[in-house]
N, C-alpha and C. Protein backbone atom coordinates (compact mmCIF):
# COMPACT_ATOMS: atom_id res chain seq x y z
N UNK A 1 86.11 182.74 2.12
CA UNK A 1 85.44 180.42 2.55
C UNK A 1 84.22 181.25 1.14
N UNK A 2 84.51 180.47 0.00
CA UNK A 2 83.79 181.17 -0.83
C UNK A 2 81.68 180.16 -0.91
N UNK A 3 81.37 181.05 -1.01
CA UNK A 3 80.02 180.07 -0.40
C UNK A 3 79.31 180.35 -1.88
N UNK A 4 77.98 179.15 -2.43
CA UNK A 4 76.77 179.12 -3.27
C UNK A 4 75.73 179.22 -2.75
N UNK A 5 74.76 180.72 -3.39
CA UNK A 5 73.83 180.37 -2.39
C UNK A 5 72.75 180.49 -3.52
N UNK A 6 71.67 179.59 -3.11
CA UNK A 6 70.13 179.69 -4.62
C UNK A 6 69.28 179.76 -3.84
N UNK A 7 68.80 180.23 -3.64
CA UNK A 7 67.45 180.62 -3.21
C UNK A 7 66.53 181.50 -4.14
N UNK A 8 65.18 180.99 -4.43
CA UNK A 8 64.16 181.98 -5.67
C UNK A 8 63.69 183.12 -4.61
N UNK A 9 63.44 183.58 -3.79
CA UNK A 9 62.96 184.76 -3.56
C UNK A 9 64.30 186.22 -3.04
N UNK A 10 64.10 186.54 -4.21
CA UNK A 10 64.87 187.63 -3.78
C UNK A 10 65.13 188.63 -3.01
N UNK A 11 63.99 189.33 -2.52
CA UNK A 11 64.76 190.33 -1.20
C UNK A 11 65.53 188.91 0.15
N UNK A 12 65.04 188.03 -0.19
CA UNK A 12 65.39 186.81 0.74
C UNK A 12 66.84 186.27 0.22
N UNK A 13 67.15 186.85 -0.78
CA UNK A 13 68.46 186.32 -1.09
C UNK A 13 69.27 186.98 -0.84
N UNK A 14 68.91 188.64 -1.27
CA UNK A 14 69.35 189.91 -1.06
C UNK A 14 70.12 190.18 0.62
N UNK A 15 68.61 190.01 1.49
CA UNK A 15 69.40 190.19 2.38
C UNK A 15 70.71 189.37 2.75
N UNK A 16 70.36 187.32 2.66
CA UNK A 16 71.22 186.67 3.16
C UNK A 16 72.75 186.77 2.64
N UNK A 17 72.87 187.52 2.02
CA UNK A 17 73.92 187.55 1.06
C UNK A 17 74.69 188.60 1.44
N UNK A 18 73.97 189.44 1.55
CA UNK A 18 74.15 190.64 2.43
C UNK A 18 75.45 190.60 3.63
N UNK A 19 74.30 189.73 4.73
CA UNK A 19 74.28 189.11 5.81
C UNK A 19 76.20 188.50 5.87
N UNK A 20 76.26 187.25 4.76
CA UNK A 20 77.27 186.35 4.84
C UNK A 20 78.54 187.43 4.24
N UNK A 21 79.00 188.25 3.37
CA UNK A 21 79.28 189.02 2.84
C UNK A 21 79.99 190.04 3.82
N UNK A 22 79.05 190.67 4.95
CA UNK A 22 79.48 191.19 5.89
C UNK A 22 80.72 190.68 7.25
N UNK A 23 80.37 189.43 6.93
CA UNK A 23 80.95 188.44 7.60
C UNK A 23 82.28 187.98 6.67
N UNK A 24 82.19 188.33 5.94
CA UNK A 24 83.75 188.08 5.15
C UNK A 24 83.42 186.79 4.37
N UNK A 25 82.83 186.58 3.81
CA UNK A 25 82.17 185.34 2.97
C UNK A 25 82.00 185.74 1.69
N UNK A 26 82.02 185.05 0.51
CA UNK A 26 82.56 185.29 -0.22
C UNK A 26 81.10 184.31 -1.49
N UNK A 27 80.18 185.76 -1.81
CA UNK A 27 78.99 184.64 -2.52
C UNK A 27 78.49 184.76 -3.58
N UNK A 28 78.28 183.73 -4.24
CA UNK A 28 77.57 183.51 -5.52
C UNK A 28 76.27 183.14 -5.32
N UNK A 29 75.42 184.23 -5.83
CA UNK A 29 73.73 184.09 -5.37
C UNK A 29 73.25 183.94 -6.75
N UNK A 30 72.67 182.61 -6.60
CA UNK A 30 71.56 182.43 -8.11
C UNK A 30 70.28 181.87 -7.49
N UNK A 31 69.46 181.72 -8.10
CA UNK A 31 68.13 181.94 -7.96
C UNK A 31 66.89 180.54 -8.48
N UNK A 32 67.85 179.45 -9.64
CA UNK A 32 66.65 178.70 -9.43
C UNK A 32 67.44 177.41 -9.64
N UNK A 33 67.16 176.19 -9.66
CA UNK A 33 67.94 175.58 -9.57
C UNK A 33 68.67 174.82 -10.14
N UNK A 34 68.40 175.08 -11.93
CA UNK A 34 69.20 174.94 -12.76
C UNK A 34 70.52 175.28 -12.89
N UNK A 35 70.09 176.98 -11.61
CA UNK A 35 71.48 177.92 -12.19
C UNK A 35 72.12 176.95 -10.79
N UNK A 36 71.70 176.73 -9.71
CA UNK A 36 72.33 176.08 -8.60
C UNK A 36 73.35 175.31 -9.20
N UNK A 37 72.47 174.16 -10.16
CA UNK A 37 73.03 172.86 -10.63
C UNK A 37 74.67 173.34 -10.83
N UNK A 38 74.05 174.18 -12.30
CA UNK A 38 75.61 175.16 -12.90
C UNK A 38 76.74 175.49 -12.69
N UNK A 39 76.32 176.50 -11.33
CA UNK A 39 77.63 176.59 -10.63
C UNK A 39 78.31 176.39 -9.95
N UNK A 40 77.09 174.87 -9.52
CA UNK A 40 78.10 173.59 -8.08
C UNK A 40 78.98 173.21 -9.21
N UNK A 41 78.53 172.64 -10.54
CA UNK A 41 79.50 172.43 -11.07
C UNK A 41 81.38 172.88 -11.56
N UNK A 42 80.65 174.14 -11.72
CA UNK A 42 81.39 174.95 -12.39
C UNK A 42 83.07 175.63 -11.48
N UNK A 43 82.39 175.80 -10.46
CA UNK A 43 82.77 177.02 -9.69
C UNK A 43 83.41 175.57 -8.70
N UNK A 44 84.37 176.69 -7.59
CA UNK A 44 84.71 175.84 -6.23
C UNK A 44 84.27 176.46 -5.08
N UNK A 45 83.53 175.28 -4.16
CA UNK A 45 83.09 176.00 -3.37
C UNK A 45 83.26 175.55 -2.21
N UNK A 46 83.60 176.19 -1.10
CA UNK A 46 83.56 176.11 0.50
C UNK A 46 82.32 175.13 1.04
N UNK A 47 81.46 176.10 0.37
CA UNK A 47 80.05 175.23 1.48
C UNK A 47 78.84 175.57 0.16
N UNK A 48 78.05 175.47 0.10
CA UNK A 48 76.57 175.29 -0.74
C UNK A 48 75.15 175.45 0.15
N UNK A 49 74.24 177.13 0.26
CA UNK A 49 73.34 177.27 0.48
C UNK A 49 72.96 176.87 -0.13
N UNK A 50 71.16 175.40 -0.06
CA UNK A 50 70.18 175.40 -0.85
C UNK A 50 68.70 175.55 -0.13
N UNK A 51 67.84 176.35 -1.30
CA UNK A 51 66.85 176.20 -0.50
C UNK A 51 66.09 175.37 -1.35
N UNK A 52 65.25 174.19 -0.29
CA UNK A 52 64.60 173.05 -1.37
C UNK A 52 63.27 173.50 -2.27
N UNK A 53 62.64 174.44 -1.92
CA UNK A 53 61.64 174.80 -3.17
C UNK A 53 62.25 175.59 -3.50
N UNK A 54 62.45 175.76 -5.09
CA UNK A 54 62.63 176.20 -6.43
C UNK A 54 62.31 176.05 -7.47
N UNK A 55 62.63 177.18 -8.24
CA UNK A 55 62.07 176.19 -10.01
C UNK A 55 63.12 175.54 -10.15
N UNK A 56 62.99 175.06 -11.76
CA UNK A 56 63.08 174.17 -12.67
C UNK A 56 64.10 173.02 -11.91
N UNK A 57 64.73 173.28 -10.60
CA UNK A 57 64.87 172.04 -9.80
C UNK A 57 65.07 172.38 -8.69
N UNK A 58 64.60 171.54 -7.72
CA UNK A 58 64.01 172.00 -6.38
C UNK A 58 65.52 171.52 -5.86
N UNK A 59 65.55 172.15 -4.51
CA UNK A 59 66.79 171.71 -4.19
C UNK A 59 67.15 170.23 -3.57
N UNK A 60 66.88 169.52 -3.40
CA UNK A 60 66.96 167.60 -3.54
C UNK A 60 67.12 167.38 -4.68
N UNK A 61 66.71 167.97 -5.57
CA UNK A 61 67.42 167.48 -6.81
C UNK A 61 68.74 167.75 -6.92
N UNK A 62 68.90 169.18 -6.57
CA UNK A 62 70.66 169.46 -7.48
C UNK A 62 71.27 168.53 -5.88
N UNK A 63 70.89 168.68 -5.38
CA UNK A 63 71.62 167.99 -3.86
C UNK A 63 72.13 166.75 -4.61
N UNK A 64 71.22 165.57 -5.24
CA UNK A 64 71.24 164.49 -5.56
C UNK A 64 72.14 164.72 -6.91
N UNK A 65 71.53 165.67 -7.72
CA UNK A 65 72.71 165.44 -8.69
C UNK A 65 74.10 166.06 -8.42
N UNK A 66 74.11 166.74 -7.65
CA UNK A 66 75.86 166.76 -6.74
C UNK A 66 76.94 165.79 -6.25
N UNK A 67 75.69 165.09 -5.53
CA UNK A 67 76.49 163.87 -5.21
C UNK A 67 76.69 162.90 -5.91
N UNK A 68 75.30 162.84 -6.77
CA UNK A 68 76.07 161.64 -7.35
C UNK A 68 77.17 162.16 -8.32
N UNK A 69 77.30 163.05 -8.85
CA UNK A 69 78.65 163.50 -9.37
C UNK A 69 79.63 163.38 -8.79
N UNK A 70 80.10 163.40 -7.52
CA UNK A 70 80.94 162.53 -6.65
C UNK A 70 81.63 164.17 -5.87
N UNK A 71 80.74 165.08 -5.90
CA UNK A 71 80.57 166.52 -4.95
C UNK A 71 80.81 166.96 -3.97
N UNK A 72 81.95 166.64 -3.31
CA UNK A 72 81.24 166.38 -1.72
C UNK A 72 81.41 167.60 -0.91
N UNK A 73 81.17 168.57 -1.73
CA UNK A 73 81.37 169.99 -0.89
C UNK A 73 80.28 170.38 0.08
N UNK A 74 80.30 170.57 1.47
CA UNK A 74 79.42 170.82 2.69
C UNK A 74 78.07 171.39 1.88
N UNK A 75 76.96 171.13 2.22
CA UNK A 75 75.66 171.47 1.97
C UNK A 75 74.93 171.73 2.73
N UNK A 76 74.38 172.94 3.37
CA UNK A 76 73.15 173.53 4.05
C UNK A 76 71.89 173.35 2.89
N UNK A 77 70.51 173.31 3.72
CA UNK A 77 69.31 173.08 3.09
C UNK A 77 68.50 174.10 4.17
N UNK A 78 67.94 174.90 3.09
CA UNK A 78 66.80 175.81 3.94
C UNK A 78 65.47 175.79 3.48
N UNK A 79 64.79 175.59 4.35
CA UNK A 79 63.21 174.86 3.70
C UNK A 79 62.04 175.50 4.26
N UNK A 80 60.94 176.25 4.12
CA UNK A 80 59.65 176.47 4.69
C UNK A 80 58.95 174.99 5.32
N UNK A 81 59.91 174.27 4.84
CA UNK A 81 59.12 173.39 5.58
C UNK A 81 60.06 172.66 6.66
N UNK A 82 59.06 172.22 7.57
CA UNK A 82 59.75 171.53 8.63
C UNK A 82 59.15 169.94 9.12
N UNK A 83 58.48 169.22 7.96
CA UNK A 83 58.18 167.79 8.68
C UNK A 83 59.90 167.34 8.77
N UNK A 84 59.59 166.23 9.60
CA UNK A 84 60.52 165.29 9.61
C UNK A 84 61.00 164.28 8.40
N UNK A 85 59.71 164.19 7.78
CA UNK A 85 60.09 163.76 6.49
C UNK A 85 61.58 164.42 5.88
N UNK A 86 61.24 165.37 5.40
CA UNK A 86 61.92 166.51 4.82
C UNK A 86 62.61 166.39 5.01
N UNK A 87 63.61 166.39 6.55
CA UNK A 87 64.90 166.65 7.25
C UNK A 87 65.64 165.24 6.98
N UNK A 88 64.56 163.85 6.70
CA UNK A 88 65.62 163.05 6.57
C UNK A 88 65.62 162.15 4.84
N UNK A 89 64.63 162.99 4.21
CA UNK A 89 65.34 163.02 2.60
C UNK A 89 66.28 163.90 2.62
N UNK A 90 66.29 164.79 2.78
CA UNK A 90 67.40 165.75 2.38
C UNK A 90 69.18 165.44 3.03
N UNK A 91 68.86 165.12 4.40
CA UNK A 91 70.22 164.20 5.12
C UNK A 91 70.79 162.67 4.24
N UNK A 92 69.29 162.22 4.37
CA UNK A 92 69.73 160.93 3.64
C UNK A 92 69.96 161.24 1.60
N UNK A 93 70.14 162.63 0.97
CA UNK A 93 70.82 162.49 -0.30
C UNK A 93 72.11 163.17 -0.21
N UNK A 94 72.63 163.45 1.48
CA UNK A 94 73.77 163.36 1.24
C UNK A 94 74.41 165.28 2.00
N UNK A 95 73.16 166.16 2.21
CA UNK A 95 73.24 166.76 3.25
C UNK A 95 74.08 167.35 4.41
N UNK A 96 74.51 167.86 4.55
CA UNK A 96 75.97 167.93 5.65
C UNK A 96 74.58 168.88 7.22
N UNK A 97 73.86 169.68 6.73
CA UNK A 97 72.55 170.36 7.93
C UNK A 97 71.25 170.86 6.84
N UNK A 98 70.24 171.39 8.33
CA UNK A 98 69.32 171.25 7.31
C UNK A 98 68.68 172.42 8.65
N UNK A 99 68.35 173.77 7.88
CA UNK A 99 68.16 174.72 9.03
C UNK A 99 66.34 175.77 8.04
N UNK A 100 65.56 174.95 8.93
CA UNK A 100 63.59 175.51 8.39
C UNK A 100 64.30 177.61 8.83
N UNK A 101 63.05 177.93 7.77
CA UNK A 101 62.26 178.92 7.58
C UNK A 101 61.29 179.30 8.21
N UNK A 102 60.93 180.24 9.17
CA UNK A 102 62.04 181.50 9.20
C UNK A 102 62.92 181.22 9.83
N UNK A 103 64.36 181.82 10.02
CA UNK A 103 65.36 181.20 10.81
C UNK A 103 66.46 182.98 11.22
N UNK A 104 66.81 183.00 12.40
CA UNK A 104 67.60 183.49 13.02
C UNK A 104 69.03 183.95 12.21
N UNK A 105 69.24 185.38 12.62
CA UNK A 105 70.84 185.48 11.38
C UNK A 105 72.06 184.78 12.18
N UNK A 106 72.01 184.52 13.63
CA UNK A 106 72.85 183.67 14.55
C UNK A 106 73.18 182.08 14.05
N UNK A 107 71.47 181.94 14.24
CA UNK A 107 71.76 180.84 13.84
C UNK A 107 72.13 180.27 11.94
N UNK A 108 71.66 180.66 11.57
CA UNK A 108 71.91 181.00 9.93
C UNK A 108 73.93 180.82 9.89
N UNK A 109 74.04 181.84 10.74
CA UNK A 109 75.65 182.08 10.56
C UNK A 109 75.93 181.43 11.71
N UNK A 110 76.15 180.36 13.04
CA UNK A 110 75.99 179.23 13.68
C UNK A 110 76.82 177.88 12.57
N UNK A 111 75.43 177.95 11.85
CA UNK A 111 75.06 176.72 10.76
C UNK A 111 76.35 176.48 10.39
N UNK A 112 76.38 177.88 9.21
CA UNK A 112 77.24 177.21 8.59
C UNK A 112 78.94 177.29 8.74
N UNK A 113 78.93 178.13 9.87
CA UNK A 113 80.14 178.48 10.41
C UNK A 113 80.15 176.79 10.78
N UNK A 114 79.24 176.52 11.36
CA UNK A 114 79.89 174.12 11.61
C UNK A 114 79.94 173.52 10.69
N UNK A 115 79.35 173.70 9.14
CA UNK A 115 78.63 172.50 8.16
C UNK A 115 80.39 173.59 6.88
N UNK A 116 80.91 174.34 7.66
CA UNK A 116 82.50 174.70 6.96
C UNK A 116 83.50 173.95 8.02
N UNK A 117 83.40 173.99 9.01
CA UNK A 117 84.33 172.94 9.94
C UNK A 117 84.63 171.47 9.77
N UNK A 118 82.85 170.98 9.50
CA UNK A 118 82.99 169.85 8.92
C UNK A 118 83.24 169.79 7.29
N UNK A 119 84.58 170.23 6.92
CA UNK A 119 84.83 169.48 5.58
C UNK A 119 85.77 168.64 5.77
N UNK A 120 85.68 167.74 5.05
CA UNK A 120 86.56 166.82 5.01
C UNK A 120 88.19 166.93 5.68
N UNK A 121 88.72 168.49 4.82
CA UNK A 121 90.08 168.98 4.91
C UNK A 121 90.41 169.29 5.83
N UNK A 122 90.76 169.61 7.06
CA UNK A 122 90.34 170.92 8.29
C UNK A 122 90.96 172.26 7.51
N UNK A 123 90.48 173.19 8.42
CA UNK A 123 90.91 174.82 7.89
C UNK A 123 90.41 174.94 8.99
N UNK A 124 92.28 175.60 8.86
CA UNK A 124 92.47 176.42 10.69
C UNK A 124 91.89 177.80 10.73
N UNK A 125 91.56 178.51 11.52
CA UNK A 125 91.34 180.03 11.53
C UNK A 125 92.29 180.60 11.47
N UNK A 126 94.20 180.11 11.74
CA UNK A 126 94.88 181.16 11.50
C UNK A 126 95.96 180.37 10.53
N UNK A 127 95.99 181.29 9.73
CA UNK A 127 97.03 180.78 8.03
C UNK A 127 98.20 181.00 8.33
N UNK A 128 99.27 180.63 8.70
CA UNK A 128 100.85 181.24 7.60
C UNK A 128 101.57 181.02 6.89
N UNK A 129 102.30 181.91 6.74
CA UNK A 129 103.23 181.97 5.24
C UNK A 129 104.74 182.36 6.20
N UNK A 130 105.71 181.75 5.79
CA UNK A 130 106.48 182.78 6.46
C UNK A 130 106.65 183.24 7.96
N UNK A 131 107.32 184.43 7.72
CA UNK A 131 106.14 185.38 9.40
C UNK A 131 105.10 186.34 8.71
N UNK A 132 104.51 186.44 7.93
CA UNK A 132 102.87 186.44 8.02
C UNK A 132 101.92 185.06 8.36
N UNK A 133 101.08 185.97 9.34
CA UNK A 133 99.67 185.32 9.96
C UNK A 133 98.04 186.06 9.40
N UNK A 134 97.68 184.83 8.72
CA UNK A 134 96.09 185.61 8.70
C UNK A 134 94.88 185.14 9.78
N UNK A 135 94.33 185.60 9.84
CA UNK A 135 92.98 185.00 10.87
C UNK A 135 92.03 185.44 9.89
N UNK A 136 91.21 184.34 9.87
CA UNK A 136 90.25 184.44 8.47
C UNK A 136 88.84 184.98 9.68
N UNK A 137 88.97 184.33 10.88
CA UNK A 137 88.08 184.32 11.72
C UNK A 137 87.49 186.86 11.72
N UNK A 138 89.04 187.64 11.73
CA UNK A 138 88.73 188.55 12.33
C UNK A 138 89.77 189.51 10.77
N UNK A 139 89.81 188.95 9.79
CA UNK A 139 91.05 189.74 9.12
C UNK A 139 91.66 190.31 9.21
N UNK A 140 92.41 189.84 10.31
CA UNK A 140 94.23 190.68 10.50
C UNK A 140 94.84 190.01 9.99
N UNK A 141 95.99 190.51 9.26
CA UNK A 141 97.11 190.18 8.57
C UNK A 141 98.52 190.65 9.65
N UNK A 142 99.37 189.84 10.18
CA UNK A 142 99.79 189.66 10.95
C UNK A 142 101.45 190.06 10.80
N UNK A 143 102.34 190.33 10.95
CA UNK A 143 103.16 189.97 11.19
C UNK A 143 104.47 190.34 12.23
N UNK A 144 104.89 189.64 12.91
CA UNK A 144 105.23 190.20 14.22
C UNK A 144 104.16 190.64 15.15
N UNK A 145 104.76 192.22 16.05
CA UNK A 145 103.68 192.86 16.62
C UNK A 145 102.98 193.63 15.80
N UNK A 146 103.22 193.38 14.57
CA UNK A 146 102.34 194.88 13.33
C UNK A 146 101.51 193.93 13.07
N UNK A 147 100.10 194.68 12.93
CA UNK A 147 98.75 193.91 12.23
C UNK A 147 98.09 195.33 11.44
N UNK A 148 96.90 194.85 10.70
CA UNK A 148 96.16 194.90 9.65
C UNK A 148 94.96 194.57 10.03
N UNK A 149 94.27 195.18 9.80
CA UNK A 149 92.68 194.64 8.95
C UNK A 149 92.46 194.68 8.18
N UNK A 150 92.27 193.86 7.41
CA UNK A 150 91.85 193.92 5.55
C UNK A 150 90.50 194.09 5.49
N UNK A 151 90.15 195.02 4.35
CA UNK A 151 89.37 195.13 3.91
C UNK A 151 88.36 193.93 3.09
N UNK A 152 86.93 193.67 3.07
CA UNK A 152 86.21 192.48 2.73
C UNK A 152 87.71 192.05 1.60
N UNK A 153 87.68 192.91 0.46
CA UNK A 153 88.37 192.03 -1.03
C UNK A 153 89.66 191.77 -0.63
N UNK A 154 90.65 192.57 -0.35
CA UNK A 154 91.95 192.13 -0.18
C UNK A 154 91.91 191.05 1.25
N UNK A 155 90.74 191.36 2.39
CA UNK A 155 90.95 189.86 2.93
C UNK A 155 90.39 188.22 1.91
N UNK A 156 89.89 188.42 1.13
CA UNK A 156 89.48 187.24 0.67
C UNK A 156 90.30 187.09 -0.26
N UNK A 157 90.87 187.71 -0.89
CA UNK A 157 92.29 187.50 -2.07
C UNK A 157 94.08 186.79 -1.53
N UNK A 158 93.88 187.44 -0.23
CA UNK A 158 94.81 187.20 0.80
C UNK A 158 94.89 185.81 1.58
N UNK A 159 93.66 185.83 1.73
CA UNK A 159 92.81 184.17 2.14
C UNK A 159 93.41 183.57 1.09
N UNK A 160 92.78 184.03 -0.33
CA UNK A 160 93.21 182.77 -1.46
C UNK A 160 94.77 182.76 -1.63
N UNK A 161 95.36 183.37 -1.63
CA UNK A 161 96.78 183.35 -1.61
C UNK A 161 97.32 182.22 -0.61
N UNK A 162 97.46 182.57 0.15
CA UNK A 162 97.61 181.86 1.91
C UNK A 162 96.97 180.33 1.84
N UNK A 163 95.87 180.48 1.52
CA UNK A 163 95.55 178.62 1.34
C UNK A 163 96.04 178.09 -0.16
N UNK A 164 96.84 178.55 -0.45
CA UNK A 164 97.82 177.98 -1.58
C UNK A 164 98.37 178.67 -1.69
N UNK A 165 99.61 178.92 -0.48
CA UNK A 165 100.86 179.35 -0.82
C UNK A 165 101.68 178.29 -1.38
N UNK A 166 103.13 178.97 -1.96
CA UNK A 166 103.70 178.58 -3.19
C UNK A 166 102.94 177.64 -4.35
N UNK A 167 101.79 177.95 -4.99
CA UNK A 167 101.18 177.23 -5.60
C UNK A 167 100.47 178.38 -6.77
N UNK A 168 100.89 178.67 -7.96
CA UNK A 168 100.71 179.98 -9.09
C UNK A 168 99.26 179.62 -9.46
N UNK A 169 99.07 180.83 -9.25
CA UNK A 169 97.27 180.67 -9.25
C UNK A 169 97.20 182.08 -10.33
N UNK A 170 96.33 181.76 -12.00
CA UNK A 170 96.28 182.28 -13.08
C UNK A 170 95.71 183.43 -12.19
N UNK A 171 95.28 184.82 -13.14
CA UNK A 171 94.63 185.87 -12.33
C UNK A 171 93.57 185.66 -12.96
N UNK A 172 92.86 184.45 -14.17
CA UNK A 172 91.30 184.15 -14.57
C UNK A 172 91.15 183.57 -13.14
N UNK A 173 91.59 182.27 -12.61
CA UNK A 173 91.24 181.88 -11.50
C UNK A 173 90.88 182.96 -10.44
N UNK A 174 91.76 183.87 -10.03
CA UNK A 174 91.92 185.15 -8.75
C UNK A 174 90.49 185.53 -9.06
N UNK A 175 89.97 185.75 -9.77
CA UNK A 175 88.97 186.51 -10.12
C UNK A 175 87.49 185.93 -10.25
N UNK A 176 87.56 184.71 -10.88
CA UNK A 176 86.37 184.20 -10.34
C UNK A 176 86.52 183.92 -8.60
N UNK A 177 87.24 182.88 -8.35
CA UNK A 177 87.10 182.96 -6.65
C UNK A 177 86.78 183.98 -5.95
N UNK A 178 87.41 185.47 -6.06
CA UNK A 178 87.39 186.25 -5.79
C UNK A 178 85.81 187.57 -5.56
N UNK A 179 85.71 187.45 -7.01
CA UNK A 179 84.67 188.12 -7.55
C UNK A 179 83.62 187.83 -7.85
N UNK A 180 83.77 186.54 -7.88
CA UNK A 180 82.41 185.68 -8.43
C UNK A 180 82.21 184.96 -9.86
N UNK A 181 81.49 184.04 -10.11
CA UNK A 181 81.36 183.44 -11.01
C UNK A 181 81.26 184.43 -12.12
N UNK A 182 80.09 185.28 -12.05
CA UNK A 182 79.63 185.97 -13.27
C UNK A 182 79.63 187.48 -13.21
N UNK A 183 80.81 187.63 -12.30
CA UNK A 183 81.54 189.27 -12.29
C UNK A 183 81.37 189.19 -13.51
N UNK A 184 81.37 190.64 -13.63
CA UNK A 184 80.93 191.81 -14.59
C UNK A 184 82.67 192.87 -14.89
N UNK A 185 83.45 192.01 -13.52
CA UNK A 185 84.58 193.18 -13.20
C UNK A 185 85.75 193.13 -14.16
N UNK A 186 86.34 193.92 -14.42
CA UNK A 186 87.70 193.48 -15.19
C UNK A 186 88.58 192.75 -15.06
N UNK A 187 89.50 192.34 -15.60
CA UNK A 187 90.66 191.38 -14.99
C UNK A 187 91.30 192.00 -14.33
N UNK A 188 91.71 193.50 -15.02
CA UNK A 188 92.55 194.32 -14.59
C UNK A 188 92.35 195.05 -12.94
N UNK A 189 91.08 194.50 -12.38
CA UNK A 189 91.26 195.16 -10.80
C UNK A 189 92.19 193.68 -10.05
N UNK A 190 91.93 192.75 -10.49
CA UNK A 190 93.24 191.67 -9.52
C UNK A 190 94.19 192.38 -9.52
N UNK A 191 95.31 193.17 -10.94
CA UNK A 191 96.30 193.71 -10.49
C UNK A 191 95.99 194.78 -9.94
N UNK A 192 94.91 195.21 -9.29
CA UNK A 192 95.40 196.47 -8.42
C UNK A 192 95.08 195.91 -6.97
N UNK A 193 94.08 195.02 -6.98
CA UNK A 193 93.79 194.66 -5.48
C UNK A 193 95.42 193.95 -5.15
N UNK A 194 96.72 193.11 -5.91
CA UNK A 194 97.32 192.11 -5.53
C UNK A 194 98.23 193.96 -5.28
N UNK A 195 98.18 194.73 -6.18
CA UNK A 195 98.73 196.37 -5.74
C UNK A 195 99.22 196.44 -4.68
N UNK A 196 97.59 196.51 -4.04
CA UNK A 196 97.29 197.14 -2.09
C UNK A 196 97.59 196.42 -1.10
N UNK A 197 97.86 194.78 -2.03
CA UNK A 197 98.66 194.07 -0.67
C UNK A 197 99.70 193.71 -0.51
N UNK A 198 100.12 193.95 -1.44
CA UNK A 198 101.79 194.55 -2.02
C UNK A 198 102.28 195.76 -0.74
N UNK A 199 101.35 196.55 -0.70
CA UNK A 199 101.61 197.85 0.30
C UNK A 199 101.53 197.17 1.31
N UNK A 200 100.83 196.24 1.85
CA UNK A 200 99.79 196.03 3.11
C UNK A 200 100.92 195.57 3.57
N UNK A 201 101.99 194.30 2.97
CA UNK A 201 102.82 193.63 3.19
C UNK A 201 104.22 194.15 3.99
N UNK A 202 104.20 195.28 3.14
CA UNK A 202 105.53 196.07 3.09
C UNK A 202 105.28 197.15 4.44
N UNK A 203 103.53 197.48 4.33
CA UNK A 203 103.80 198.69 5.69
C UNK A 203 104.16 197.70 6.76
N UNK A 204 103.53 196.38 7.03
CA UNK A 204 103.85 195.59 8.22
C UNK A 204 105.12 195.09 8.88
N UNK A 205 105.76 194.85 7.53
CA UNK A 205 107.08 194.65 7.27
C UNK A 205 107.58 193.16 7.60
N UNK A 206 106.57 192.42 6.63
CA UNK A 206 106.94 191.36 6.64
C UNK A 206 107.77 191.07 5.08
N UNK A 207 108.41 189.91 4.85
CA UNK A 207 109.32 189.50 4.49
C UNK A 207 108.45 188.47 2.81
N UNK A 208 107.80 188.23 3.18
CA UNK A 208 106.65 187.79 2.42
C UNK A 208 106.52 188.10 1.18
N UNK A 209 106.89 187.14 -0.30
CA UNK A 209 106.29 188.21 -1.16
C UNK A 209 105.08 187.55 -2.17
N UNK A 210 104.05 188.68 -3.33
CA UNK A 210 102.95 188.03 -3.79
C UNK A 210 104.37 188.34 -5.64
N UNK A 211 104.60 187.31 -5.77
CA UNK A 211 105.88 187.27 -7.27
C UNK A 211 104.62 186.82 -8.44
N UNK A 212 105.40 188.18 -9.10
CA UNK A 212 104.33 187.57 -10.39
C UNK A 212 105.19 186.75 -11.59
N UNK A 213 104.85 185.58 -11.99
CA UNK A 213 105.68 184.70 -13.24
C UNK A 213 104.46 185.18 -14.42
N UNK A 214 105.12 185.57 -15.32
CA UNK A 214 104.68 186.25 -16.78
C UNK A 214 103.64 185.73 -17.67
N UNK A 215 102.30 185.55 -17.73
CA UNK A 215 102.00 184.60 -18.45
C UNK A 215 101.48 183.34 -17.48
N UNK A 216 101.68 183.45 -16.54
CA UNK A 216 101.50 182.40 -15.56
C UNK A 216 99.77 183.00 -14.77
N UNK A 217 101.14 183.62 -13.71
CA UNK A 217 100.11 184.50 -12.32
C UNK A 217 100.30 184.90 -11.17
N UNK A 218 100.30 184.69 -10.26
CA UNK A 218 100.41 185.12 -9.34
C UNK A 218 100.77 183.94 -7.83
N UNK A 219 101.93 183.97 -7.11
CA UNK A 219 102.43 183.28 -5.99
C UNK A 219 103.01 183.55 -4.58
N UNK A 220 102.24 183.08 -3.56
CA UNK A 220 102.17 183.48 -2.37
C UNK A 220 104.06 183.01 -1.74
N UNK A 221 105.25 183.83 -1.83
CA UNK A 221 105.93 182.87 -1.24
C UNK A 221 107.09 183.76 0.26
N UNK A 222 107.35 182.96 0.55
CA UNK A 222 108.08 182.86 1.81
C UNK A 222 109.57 183.06 1.72
N UNK A 223 110.78 184.08 2.20
CA UNK A 223 111.90 184.29 1.66
C UNK A 223 112.94 183.05 2.36
N UNK A 224 113.36 182.15 1.85
CA UNK A 224 114.39 181.06 2.38
C UNK A 224 115.51 181.39 3.46
């Protein structure tokens, strides 16, 4: 799952990003409202977390612009303000949930999970392709009785492939969606991780293949 997180307090942003990434979310962190809106417009996110009090544009302005553009990505608002009027404003603008600061880590994670469950399109915890299954709650990749727990980046790449099984994804698209919109990683890192995943599939005895289409990208395909 890929999240956009906008928070102008650097220490808070780093701490929350670390927590989310530890729980297998891919996070693009930005530090002002203008960047939050730009990333929301350019990226494809499963959820957006917006601090209300930010420079350049506040969270309410960003949320309003997102919704006016027709973007229905779930949004969780974070703020130090706990007044009822602010909560009403956020919800009226199209926020899916509202969490006042300071908050407990467990509650943040629960709110994020709930926000993602409320997406218009239901996303199951178990993704399947042929004889292969991926448990998105614990990163287990399984074929029959054989399983392996994937490291974070391998999990995120396999999740992306399984959610788009049968669809050819470009290397550039995979780099952006897994490593982030502003990554400095070279495109070759995608090839390296594709190789890792192919070895995982062979190790657990799966017939599912990650096939390369020259000049186009990669697709996950089950044997017919």
